[in-house]
């Protein structure tokens, strides 16, 4: 199945606040999602726990032969990912249209 699920992430992706994101990604995978697109445009804070969740989600999707795509990162969130050298690991796009254009959904 080539289904792509879009998840709108808002607020804090930090220790104690990252469970909802994890649950939504696991639900999407359980429902047959091949790819997950995270709209990060409304994220206000990202800590090491949140980065860990993003990496875990990336690995989960890769193991399912799918992809995790992040779009709309606010400047300070992009800076955190740059400092932690995650920009080369995670797939980042300016907007959903450019991310979705890279997928081969059926």
C-alpha atoms as a PDB file:
ATOM      1  CA  UNK A   1       0.000   0.000   0.000  1.00  0.00           C
ATOM      2  CA  UNK A   2       1.411   3.395  -0.945  1.00  0.00           C
ATOM      3  CA  UNK A   3      -0.641   5.484   1.457  1.00  0.00           C
ATOM      4  CA  UNK A   4       0.811   8.697   2.863  1.00  0.00           C
ATOM      5  CA  UNK A   5      -0.489  10.089   6.152  1.00  0.00           C
ATOM      6  CA  UNK A   6      -0.045  13.742   7.081  1.00  0.00           C
ATOM      7  CA  UNK A   7       0.314  14.502  10.783  1.00  0.00           C
ATOM      8  CA  UNK A   8       0.105  18.087  12.007  1.00  0.00           C
ATOM      9  CA  UNK A   9       2.556  18.501  14.898  1.00  0.00           C
ATOM     10  CA  UNK A  10       1.981  21.494  17.170  1.00  0.00           C
ATOM     11  CA  UNK A  11       3.452  22.819  20.385  1.00  0.00           C
ATOM     12  CA  UNK A  12       6.286  21.105  22.208  1.00  0.00           C
ATOM     13  CA  UNK A  13       8.027  17.947  21.058  1.00  0.00           C
ATOM     14  CA  UNK A  14       9.866  17.441  24.313  1.00  0.00           C
ATOM     15  CA  UNK A  15      10.188  14.903  27.096  1.00  0.00           C
ATOM     16  CA  UNK A  16       6.703  14.191  28.369  1.00  0.00           C
ATOM     17  CA  UNK A  17       5.097  15.842  25.332  1.00  0.00           C
ATOM     18  CA  UNK A  18       6.352  13.453  22.652  1.00  0.00           C
ATOM     19  CA  UNK A  19       4.073  10.493  23.422  1.00  0.00           C
ATOM     20  CA  UNK A  20       1.246  11.866  21.273  1.00  0.00           C
ATOM     21  CA  UNK A  21       3.565  12.077  18.261  1.00  0.00           C
ATOM     22  CA  UNK A  22       4.788   8.524  18.832  1.00  0.00           C
ATOM     23  CA  UNK A  23       1.217   7.251  19.171  1.00  0.00           C
ATOM     24  CA  UNK A  24       0.081   9.004  15.980  1.00  0.00           C
ATOM     25  CA  UNK A  25       2.975   7.593  13.973  1.00  0.00           C
ATOM     26  CA  UNK A  26       2.394   4.064  15.289  1.00  0.00           C
ATOM     27  CA  UNK A  27      -1.329   4.375  14.517  1.00  0.00           C
ATOM     28  CA  UNK A  28      -0.571   5.531  10.969  1.00  0.00           C
ATOM     29  CA  UNK A  29       1.773   2.577  10.425  1.00  0.00           C
ATOM     30  CA  UNK A  30      -0.768   0.137  11.908  1.00  0.00           C
ATOM     31  CA  UNK A  31      -3.391   1.513   9.513  1.00  0.00           C
ATOM     32  CA  UNK A  32      -1.137   0.822   6.539  1.00  0.00           C
ATOM     33  CA  UNK A  33       0.728   4.074   5.974  1.00  0.00           C
ATOM     34  CA  UNK A  34       3.800   3.643   3.834  1.00  0.00           C
ATOM     35  CA  UNK A  35       4.924   7.236   4.315  1.00  0.00           C
ATOM     36  CA  UNK A  36       4.367   9.760   7.083  1.00  0.00           C
ATOM     37  CA  UNK A  37       4.620  13.487   6.473  1.00  0.00           C
ATOM     38  CA  UNK A  38       5.024  15.568   9.627  1.00  0.00           C
ATOM     39  CA  UNK A  39       3.942  19.192   9.292  1.00  0.00           C
ATOM     40  CA  UNK A  40       6.230  20.816  11.859  1.00  0.00           C
ATOM     41  CA  UNK A  41       5.237  24.431  11.135  1.00  0.00           C
ATOM     42  CA  UNK A  42       3.517  24.863  14.514  1.00  0.00           C
ATOM     43  CA  UNK A  43       6.214  23.265  16.675  1.00  0.00           C
ATOM     44  CA  UNK A  44       7.423  25.693  19.342  1.00  0.00           C
ATOM     45  CA  UNK A  45      10.106  23.628  21.069  1.00  0.00           C
ATOM     46  CA  UNK A  46      12.160  20.527  20.309  1.00  0.00           C
ATOM     47  CA  UNK A  47      14.517  18.881  22.814  1.00  0.00           C
ATOM     48  CA  UNK A  48      16.722  15.782  22.745  1.00  0.00           C
ATOM     49  CA  UNK A  49      13.778  13.542  23.604  1.00  0.00           C
ATOM     50  CA  UNK A  50      11.825  14.976  20.677  1.00  0.00           C
ATOM     51  CA  UNK A  51      14.800  14.492  18.373  1.00  0.00           C
ATOM     52  CA  UNK A  52      14.965  10.903  19.589  1.00  0.00           C
ATOM     53  CA  UNK A  53      11.306  10.436  18.656  1.00  0.00           C
ATOM     54  CA  UNK A  54      11.929  11.842  15.181  1.00  0.00           C
ATOM     55  CA  UNK A  55      14.885   9.494  14.673  1.00  0.00           C
ATOM     56  CA  UNK A  56      12.865   6.528  15.992  1.00  0.00           C
ATOM     57  CA  UNK A  57      10.024   7.422  13.608  1.00  0.00           C
ATOM     58  CA  UNK A  58      12.520   7.705  10.742  1.00  0.00           C
ATOM     59  CA  UNK A  59      13.874   4.222  11.541  1.00  0.00           C
ATOM     60  CA  UNK A  60      10.351   2.799  11.895  1.00  0.00           C
ATOM     61  CA  UNK A  61       9.355   4.107   8.474  1.00  0.00           C
ATOM     62  CA  UNK A  62      12.600   2.964   6.870  1.00  0.00           C
ATOM     63  CA  UNK A  63      12.090  -0.539   8.307  1.00  0.00           C
ATOM     64  CA  UNK A  64       8.614  -0.539   6.717  1.00  0.00           C
ATOM     65  CA  UNK A  65      10.233   0.499   3.401  1.00  0.00           C
ATOM     66  CA  UNK A  66       8.593   3.877   3.720  1.00  0.00           C
ATOM     67  CA  UNK A  67       9.687   7.402   4.467  1.00  0.00           C
ATOM     68  CA  UNK A  68       9.316  10.045   7.149  1.00  0.00           C
ATOM     69  CA  UNK A  69       9.187  13.550   5.699  1.00  0.00           C
ATOM     70  CA  UNK A  70       9.320  16.737   7.780  1.00  0.00           C
ATOM     71  CA  UNK A  71       7.953  19.981   6.380  1.00  0.00           C
ATOM     72  CA  UNK A  72       7.656  23.593   7.452  1.00  0.00           C
ATOM     73  CA  UNK A  73      10.292  23.655  10.177  1.00  0.00           C
ATOM     74  CA  UNK A  74      10.363  26.970  12.058  1.00  0.00           C
ATOM     75  CA  UNK A  75      13.825  28.557  12.053  1.00  0.00           C
ATOM     76  CA  UNK A  76      14.682  27.724  15.646  1.00  0.00           C
ATOM     77  CA  UNK A  77      13.644  24.090  15.182  1.00  0.00           C
ATOM     78  CA  UNK A  78      15.770  23.811  12.032  1.00  0.00           C
ATOM     79  CA  UNK A  79      18.671  25.288  14.004  1.00  0.00           C
ATOM     80  CA  UNK A  80      18.300  22.629  16.707  1.00  0.00           C
ATOM     81  CA  UNK A  81      18.368  19.900  14.047  1.00  0.00           C
ATOM     82  CA  UNK A  82      21.391  21.505  12.413  1.00  0.00           C
ATOM     83  CA  UNK A  83      23.330  21.753  15.685  1.00  0.00           C
ATOM     84  CA  UNK A  84      22.587  18.100  16.459  1.00  0.00           C
ATOM     85  CA  UNK A  85      23.600  17.089  12.921  1.00  0.00           C
ATOM     86  CA  UNK A  86      20.183  15.616  12.157  1.00  0.00           C
ATOM     87  CA  UNK A  87      19.720  17.599   8.932  1.00  0.00           C
ATOM     88  CA  UNK A  88      21.631  14.921   7.050  1.00  0.00           C
ATOM     89  CA  UNK A  89      19.588  12.109   8.595  1.00  0.00           C
ATOM     90  CA  UNK A  90      16.003  13.376   8.404  1.00  0.00           C
ATOM     91  CA  UNK A  91      14.228  14.322   5.180  1.00  0.00           C
ATOM     92  CA  UNK A  92      13.296  18.009   5.345  1.00  0.00           C
ATOM     93  CA  UNK A  93      11.190  19.995   2.887  1.00  0.00           C
ATOM     94  CA  UNK A  94       9.933  23.565   2.798  1.00  0.00           C
ATOM     95  CA  UNK A  95       6.308  22.570   2.257  1.00  0.00           C
ATOM     96  CA  UNK A  96       4.003  19.602   1.832  1.00  0.00           C
ATOM     97  CA  UNK A  97       3.718  19.962  -1.936  1.00  0.00           C
ATOM     98  CA  UNK A  98       7.468  19.641  -2.488  1.00  0.00           C
ATOM     99  CA  UNK A  99       7.662  16.674  -0.086  1.00  0.00           C
ATOM    100  CA  UNK A 100       4.703  14.876  -1.637  1.00  0.00           C
ATOM    101  CA  UNK A 101       6.160  15.399  -5.123  1.00  0.00           C
ATOM    102  CA  UNK A 102       9.083  13.115  -4.142  1.00  0.00           C
ATOM    103  CA  UNK A 103       6.800  10.184  -3.306  1.00  0.00           C
ATOM    104  CA  UNK A 104       5.700   7.467  -5.674  1.00  0.00           C
ATOM    105  CA  UNK A 105       2.328   6.764  -4.034  1.00  0.00           C
ATOM    106  CA  UNK A 106      -0.061   4.519  -5.896  1.00  0.00           C
END
